[in-house]
Amino acid sequence: MEEPRTCTRCIVPETFPSISFDEAGVCSLCATHRPPPVLGEDRLREVLSAQKGAVYDCVVPVSGGKDSTYILYYATEVLGLRTVAVNYDSGFQSPLAAENARTACAVLEVPLLVVSANRDTQVRMLREALLISEIIGAFFGTCMNCEVNIRTAAINVARRHKVPFILYGSSQVEDILGHRFLGPRAFLRRIPIQSLLPLAGHVARYSLHSVRQRIEMGVPLWHRFLPFGNVPFPTPTPQVVYYFEYVVWDSLDKVAFLQERLGWRSPADQEQRFDCTLHCLGNHRWIRDTGISMDGYTYSTMIREGRAAREDVIRKERLIQSKLREECVEVFREVGLEDHPLPGS
């Protein structure tokens, strides 16, 4: 089978929804891309110096990935803030990411608070998400409450220790959540009527496990009973400051620095999004629905920003796709669904 045409600047393929190419073969995403504006590091210093805490000045959620690890370094060493790190372990956190968080905190002499989900609840929830995915034909809901729990952990630590700021890592360069073409509606329209009842049963069980986990994790009361909703950050305190709104971020450029300064490590040729073993499920869905992985899409944005070379990104995408099925099958095996096919197979 002939491989789909790809953009001559990035690697987005012609199978990507609503994509078009000009005469030079450059895709419409590249043609319309504009780097996001930033407020500047001076403004970041001004904001974070406006108030000091009794013991800590800033909470930094740390996953063990390159972005959050660098933010922890920046807050502690560059800004001189008294930081406390929070690591959320979903039960599917990669051992290497957990080790990175511990090592960085030890080197920087920053206290690390690890907040862990109940393993049984998390596995039950993931199992239902995978059974839902099997029915609708694509992975759905497999990130579960992780964003909710990360936010909750940071908020609770900040309130417990009266910390005025949460310095949060959410990169616009790597932001792909705005793409709603991957929503469940297109799949729901194709589901046979006889599958609706079992689907409803799995959704109900997923929702119950989600609510149970939110209660276990101490999610704010009004958001415990919204099984699919996120948790907004409170206002005005603790104040949440988004690092990437202030700083031009070249994440791949920082890898060598993190390795030398903080002993940071990653799998070979996989410097991002390895912190969770479930990330492969999202990549599987993106490849099936768009022809490119989540990571490949992110790397394409980096190419447009001048932060990655196309040849390197092509190699990384091929590696991702070569390992993808094996990684997804391992997730199914871990929750006792080894006899079930991957969605869309």
Protein backbone atom coordinates (compact mmCIF):
# COMPACT_ATOMS: atom_id res chain seq x y z
CA MET A 1 0.00 0.00 0.00
CA GLU A 2 1.31 3.43 -0.97
CA GLU A 3 2.12 5.68 1.98
CA PRO A 4 0.01 8.85 2.25
CA ARG A 5 1.45 12.14 1.11
CA THR A 6 2.97 14.23 3.89
CA CYS A 7 3.74 17.90 4.26
CA THR A 8 7.13 18.90 2.86
CA ARG A 9 7.80 21.09 5.92
CA CYS A 10 6.39 19.04 8.81
CA ILE A 11 5.21 15.40 8.73
CA VAL A 12 1.42 15.81 8.91
CA PRO A 13 -0.16 13.46 6.32
CA GLU A 14 -2.96 14.05 3.84
CA THR A 15 -5.19 11.79 5.99
CA PHE A 16 -5.28 14.46 8.72
CA PRO A 17 -8.83 15.94 9.03
CA SER A 18 -9.42 19.10 6.95
CA ILE A 19 -5.79 19.29 5.82
CA SER A 20 -4.81 20.83 2.48
CA PHE A 21 -1.53 21.41 0.65
CA ASP A 22 -0.27 24.26 -1.51
CA GLU A 23 1.70 23.86 -4.76
CA ALA A 24 4.94 23.45 -2.82
CA GLY A 25 3.44 20.62 -0.75
CA VAL A 26 3.25 22.69 2.46
CA CYS A 27 0.23 21.85 4.60
CA SER A 28 -2.37 24.37 5.73
CA LEU A 29 -1.32 23.91 9.38
CA CYS A 30 2.18 25.14 8.55
CA ALA A 31 0.88 27.93 6.31
CA THR A 32 -1.38 29.37 9.02
CA HIS A 33 0.83 28.70 12.05
CA ARG A 34 1.83 31.64 14.21
CA PRO A 35 4.02 31.24 17.32
CA PRO A 36 1.99 31.87 20.48
CA PRO A 37 2.81 35.16 22.21
CA VAL A 38 4.60 35.11 25.57
CA LEU A 39 4.55 37.63 28.38
CA GLY A 40 8.28 37.44 29.12
CA GLU A 41 10.48 36.22 31.95
CA ASP A 42 10.63 39.66 33.60
CA ARG A 43 6.87 39.57 33.99
CA LEU A 44 7.07 36.03 35.40
CA ARG A 45 9.57 37.17 38.03
CA GLU A 46 7.35 40.10 38.90
CA VAL A 47 4.29 37.91 39.37
CA LEU A 48 6.01 35.24 41.47
CA SER A 49 7.83 37.76 43.68
CA ALA A 50 4.63 39.58 44.63
CA GLN A 51 3.95 37.27 47.57
CA LYS A 52 5.93 34.90 49.77
CA GLY A 53 4.67 31.86 51.65
CA ALA A 54 5.35 30.96 55.27
CA VAL A 55 7.41 27.88 54.35
CA TYR A 56 7.16 27.49 50.57
CA ASP A 57 6.67 30.08 47.85
CA CYS A 58 5.58 27.77 45.06
CA VAL A 59 4.12 24.32 44.34
CA VAL A 60 5.46 22.63 41.20
CA PRO A 61 3.70 19.49 39.89
CA VAL A 62 6.44 17.19 38.57
CA SER A 63 5.75 14.19 36.34
CA GLY A 64 9.38 13.28 35.67
CA GLY A 65 9.11 14.45 32.08
CA LYS A 66 11.41 17.10 30.66
CA ASP A 67 9.01 20.06 30.89
CA SER A 68 8.02 19.77 34.53
CA THR A 69 11.56 18.82 35.57
CA TYR A 70 12.95 21.95 33.96
CA ILE A 71 10.24 24.11 35.53
CA LEU A 72 11.23 22.75 38.93
CA TYR A 73 14.86 23.66 38.23
CA TYR A 74 13.88 27.13 36.94
CA ALA A 75 11.71 27.94 39.95
CA THR A 76 14.34 26.77 42.42
CA GLU A 77 17.66 27.73 40.88
CA VAL A 78 16.85 30.62 38.51
CA LEU A 79 14.08 32.35 40.45
CA GLY A 80 15.32 31.34 43.89
CA LEU A 81 11.88 30.29 45.10
CA ARG A 82 11.32 27.92 47.99
CA THR A 83 9.56 25.19 46.08
CA VAL A 84 7.76 22.00 47.01
CA ALA A 85 7.27 19.36 44.31
CA VAL A 86 4.16 17.22 43.91
CA ASN A 87 4.22 13.98 41.92
CA TYR A 88 1.01 12.14 41.02
CA ASP A 89 1.32 8.38 40.56
CA SER A 90 -1.70 7.01 38.73
CA GLY A 91 -0.45 3.46 39.05
CA PHE A 92 0.67 3.62 35.42
CA GLN A 93 3.50 6.09 35.88
CA SER A 94 6.66 4.79 34.23
CA PRO A 95 9.41 3.80 36.69
CA LEU A 96 11.89 6.00 34.80
CA ALA A 97 9.68 9.10 35.18
CA ALA A 98 9.25 8.44 38.91
CA GLU A 99 13.00 8.07 39.27
CA ASN A 100 13.55 11.36 37.39
CA ALA A 101 11.27 13.18 39.83
CA ARG A 102 13.08 11.74 42.85
CA THR A 103 16.53 12.43 41.43
CA ALA A 104 15.76 16.02 40.43
CA CYS A 105 14.31 16.80 43.86
CA ALA A 106 17.32 15.26 45.58
CA VAL A 107 19.80 17.27 43.48
CA LEU A 108 17.85 20.51 43.98
CA GLU A 109 17.15 19.73 47.67
CA VAL A 110 13.42 20.20 47.10
CA PRO A 111 10.88 18.23 49.17
CA LEU A 112 8.87 15.80 47.07
CA LEU A 113 5.30 14.81 47.98
CA VAL A 114 4.03 11.74 46.10
CA VAL A 115 0.25 11.38 45.80
CA SER A 116 -0.86 7.94 44.61
CA ALA A 117 -4.19 6.75 43.26
CA ASN A 118 -5.79 3.59 44.59
CA ARG A 119 -4.49 0.95 42.21
CA ASP A 120 -7.63 -1.18 42.31
CA THR A 121 -9.92 1.74 41.48
CA GLN A 122 -7.63 2.90 38.68
CA VAL A 123 -7.45 -0.56 37.08
CA ARG A 124 -11.23 -1.00 37.26
CA MET A 125 -11.74 2.39 35.69
CA LEU A 126 -9.25 1.70 32.91
CA ARG A 127 -10.81 -1.70 32.23
CA GLU A 128 -14.22 -0.10 31.68
CA ALA A 129 -12.64 2.58 29.48
CA LEU A 130 -11.07 -0.12 27.31
CA LEU A 131 -14.36 -2.02 27.03
CA ILE A 132 -16.10 1.21 26.01
CA SER A 133 -13.33 1.75 23.47
CA GLU A 134 -13.88 -1.73 22.05
CA ILE A 135 -17.55 -0.99 21.43
CA ILE A 136 -17.13 2.46 19.85
CA GLY A 137 -14.11 1.35 17.82
CA ALA A 138 -11.50 3.79 19.19
CA PHE A 139 -9.74 4.47 22.46
CA PHE A 140 -11.83 6.74 24.65
CA GLY A 141 -11.50 7.95 28.24
CA THR A 142 -8.19 6.19 28.89
CA CYS A 143 -6.60 9.23 30.56
CA MET A 144 -9.35 8.94 33.16
CA ASN A 145 -9.08 11.37 36.10
CA CYS A 146 -5.36 12.05 35.82
CA GLU A 147 -5.58 15.77 35.04
CA VAL A 148 -8.20 16.12 37.77
CA ASN A 149 -5.99 14.35 40.29
CA ILE A 150 -2.85 16.29 39.37
CA ARG A 151 -4.69 19.57 39.83
CA THR A 152 -6.30 18.40 43.06
CA ALA A 153 -2.96 17.30 44.52
CA ALA A 154 -1.35 20.65 43.74
CA ILE A 155 -4.31 22.61 45.15
CA ASN A 156 -4.46 20.55 48.34
CA VAL A 157 -0.71 20.87 48.99
CA ALA A 158 -0.83 24.63 48.37
CA ARG A 159 -3.73 25.06 50.77
CA ARG A 160 -2.29 22.77 53.43
CA HIS A 161 1.01 24.67 53.53
CA LYS A 162 -0.43 28.10 52.66
CA VAL A 163 1.62 28.35 49.47
CA PRO A 164 0.66 31.39 47.38
CA PHE A 165 1.52 30.03 43.90
CA ILE A 166 1.25 26.89 41.77
CA LEU A 167 3.68 27.02 38.84
CA TYR A 168 2.05 24.84 36.22
CA GLY A 169 3.51 23.40 33.04
CA SER A 170 1.10 23.44 30.13
CA SER A 171 2.86 24.10 26.85
CA GLN A 172 0.92 25.65 23.99
CA VAL A 173 3.49 24.12 21.63
CA GLU A 174 2.46 20.66 22.84
CA ASP A 175 -1.23 21.45 23.35
CA ILE A 176 -3.34 19.08 21.25
CA LEU A 177 -6.45 18.92 23.38
CA GLY A 178 -8.21 21.58 21.31
CA HIS A 179 -8.71 19.18 18.41
CA ARG A 180 -12.32 18.08 18.83
CA PHE A 181 -12.46 16.01 15.66
CA LEU A 182 -11.51 13.04 17.83
CA GLY A 183 -14.69 13.25 19.91
CA PRO A 184 -16.94 10.21 20.46
CA ARG A 185 -19.95 11.44 18.45
CA ALA A 186 -18.69 10.12 15.12
CA PHE A 187 -18.26 6.67 16.65
CA LEU A 188 -21.57 6.70 18.51
CA ARG A 189 -23.43 7.17 15.22
CA ARG A 190 -21.93 3.92 13.93
CA ILE A 191 -22.69 1.75 16.95
CA PRO A 192 -25.26 -1.01 16.30
CA ILE A 193 -28.44 -0.69 18.37
CA GLN A 194 -27.75 -4.04 20.09
CA SER A 195 -24.49 -2.62 21.46
CA LEU A 196 -26.08 0.40 23.16
CA LEU A 197 -27.18 -1.49 26.28
CA PRO A 198 -23.75 -3.00 27.07
CA LEU A 199 -22.18 0.37 26.27
CA ALA A 200 -24.48 2.05 28.79
CA GLY A 201 -23.49 -0.53 31.41
CA HIS A 202 -19.77 0.10 30.91
CA VAL A 203 -20.28 3.89 30.98
CA ALA A 204 -22.24 3.56 34.24
CA ARG A 205 -19.52 1.45 35.88
CA TYR A 206 -16.81 3.79 34.60
CA SER A 207 -18.71 6.73 36.11
CA LEU A 208 -19.06 5.01 39.49
CA HIS A 209 -15.34 4.21 39.61
CA SER A 210 -14.56 7.79 38.58
CA VAL A 211 -16.67 9.25 41.37
CA ARG A 212 -15.15 6.80 43.86
CA GLN A 213 -11.64 7.85 42.84
CA ARG A 214 -12.49 11.55 43.07
CA ILE A 215 -13.66 11.01 46.62
CA GLU A 216 -10.51 9.01 47.45
CA MET A 217 -8.27 11.73 46.01
CA GLY A 218 -9.97 14.56 47.89
CA VAL A 219 -11.37 16.33 44.83
CA PRO A 220 -13.35 19.47 45.79
CA LEU A 221 -16.89 18.55 46.81
CA TRP A 222 -18.76 20.09 43.88
CA HIS A 223 -16.62 18.20 41.36
CA ARG A 224 -16.66 14.76 42.95
CA PHE A 225 -19.88 13.74 41.26
CA LEU A 226 -19.00 14.91 37.74
CA PRO A 227 -17.28 11.76 36.43
CA PHE A 228 -16.16 13.31 33.14
CA GLY A 229 -15.55 16.91 34.25
CA ASN A 230 -12.25 18.62 34.99
CA VAL A 231 -11.44 20.55 38.15
CA PRO A 232 -10.88 24.29 37.66
CA PHE A 233 -8.12 25.97 39.56
CA PRO A 234 -9.43 28.16 42.39
CA THR A 235 -9.21 31.94 42.47
CA PRO A 236 -7.68 34.03 43.85
CA THR A 237 -5.50 31.75 46.01
CA PRO A 238 -3.48 29.77 45.40
CA GLN A 239 -2.70 31.69 42.23
CA VAL A 240 -1.93 29.42 39.28
CA VAL A 241 0.83 30.67 37.00
CA TYR A 242 1.28 28.95 33.64
CA TYR A 243 5.01 28.86 32.93
CA PHE A 244 4.66 28.61 29.16
CA GLU A 245 2.59 31.78 28.96
CA TYR A 246 5.75 33.65 29.95
CA VAL A 247 8.69 31.78 28.45
CA VAL A 248 9.63 30.82 24.90
CA TRP A 249 10.11 27.09 25.33
CA ASP A 250 12.57 24.95 23.41
CA SER A 251 12.02 21.65 25.17
CA LEU A 252 14.28 19.45 23.03
CA ASP A 253 17.11 21.94 23.48
CA LYS A 254 16.95 21.43 27.26
CA VAL A 255 17.39 17.64 27.20
CA ALA A 256 21.19 17.66 27.36
CA PHE A 257 21.12 20.25 30.14
CA LEU A 258 18.67 18.20 32.21
CA GLN A 259 20.73 15.06 31.72
CA GLU A 260 23.93 16.74 32.89
CA ARG A 261 22.55 18.94 35.66
CA LEU A 262 19.79 16.77 37.14
CA GLY A 263 20.60 13.24 36.00
CA TRP A 264 17.42 13.18 33.91
CA ARG A 265 16.90 10.17 31.65
CA SER A 266 14.49 9.06 28.93
CA PRO A 267 14.06 6.04 26.65
CA ALA A 268 16.22 6.13 23.53
CA ASP A 269 14.87 8.61 20.95
CA GLN A 270 11.78 9.27 23.10
CA GLU A 271 12.33 12.46 25.06
CA GLN A 272 8.70 13.31 25.71
CA ARG A 273 5.48 11.81 26.98
CA PHE A 274 7.04 8.61 28.28
CA ASP A 275 5.97 9.34 31.86
CA CYS A 276 2.74 7.32 31.55
CA THR A 277 2.55 3.80 30.12
CA LEU A 278 -0.98 4.54 28.85
CA HIS A 279 0.23 7.21 26.44
CA CYS A 280 0.44 4.57 23.71
CA LEU A 281 -3.37 4.34 23.70
CA GLY A 282 -3.68 7.99 22.70
CA ASN A 283 -1.05 7.53 20.01
CA HIS A 284 -2.95 4.52 18.67
CA ARG A 285 -6.15 6.53 18.41
CA TRP A 286 -4.47 9.45 16.68
CA ILE A 287 -2.77 7.24 14.11
CA ARG A 288 -6.02 5.45 13.36
CA ASP A 289 -8.03 8.66 12.99
CA THR A 290 -5.48 11.09 11.54
CA GLY A 291 -2.56 9.07 10.20
CA ILE A 292 -0.10 10.58 12.68
CA SER A 293 0.59 9.95 16.36
CA MET A 294 -0.06 12.50 19.10
CA ASP A 295 3.70 12.81 19.47
CA GLY A 296 4.20 13.18 15.74
CA TYR A 297 1.68 16.02 15.70
CA THR A 298 3.51 17.68 18.59
CA TYR A 299 6.86 17.28 16.85
CA SER A 300 5.35 18.79 13.70
CA THR A 301 4.45 21.88 15.68
CA MET A 302 8.03 22.00 16.93
CA ILE A 303 9.26 21.88 13.33
CA ARG A 304 7.11 24.94 12.57
CA GLU A 305 8.62 26.66 15.60
CA GLY A 306 12.14 25.86 14.37
CA ARG A 307 12.74 23.59 17.37
CA ALA A 308 13.09 20.22 15.62
CA ALA A 309 14.52 18.91 12.35
CA ARG A 310 12.15 17.12 9.98
CA GLU A 311 14.51 14.17 9.48
CA ASP A 312 14.74 13.59 13.24
CA VAL A 313 10.96 13.78 13.60
CA ILE A 314 10.43 11.25 10.80
CA ARG A 315 12.74 8.83 12.62
CA LYS A 316 10.97 9.37 15.94
CA GLU A 317 7.53 8.84 14.38
CA ARG A 318 8.62 5.58 12.74
CA LEU A 319 9.94 4.35 16.09
CA ILE A 320 6.66 5.24 17.82
CA GLN A 321 4.61 3.39 15.25
CA SER A 322 6.89 0.34 15.25
CA LYS A 323 6.40 -0.22 19.00
CA LEU A 324 2.79 0.90 19.29
CA ARG A 325 0.85 -2.32 18.96
CA GLU A 326 3.08 -4.18 21.41
CA GLU A 327 2.72 -1.39 23.99
CA CYS A 328 -1.08 -1.31 23.66
CA VAL A 329 -1.37 -5.08 23.92
CA GLU A 330 0.68 -4.96 27.13
CA VAL A 331 -1.84 -2.50 28.65
CA PHE A 332 -4.70 -4.85 27.80
CA ARG A 333 -2.78 -7.73 29.34
CA GLU A 334 -2.17 -5.76 32.54
CA VAL A 335 -5.90 -5.26 33.18
CA GLY A 336 -6.92 -8.80 32.20
CA LEU A 337 -8.24 -8.09 28.69
CA GLU A 338 -5.54 -9.90 26.74
CA ASP A 339 -8.15 -11.81 24.74
CA HIS A 340 -9.80 -8.59 23.49
CA PRO A 341 -8.80 -6.95 20.20
CA LEU A 342 -7.52 -3.39 20.01
CA PRO A 343 -10.30 -0.95 19.02
CA GLY A 344 -10.64 -0.63 15.28
CA SER A 345 -8.60 -3.78 14.59
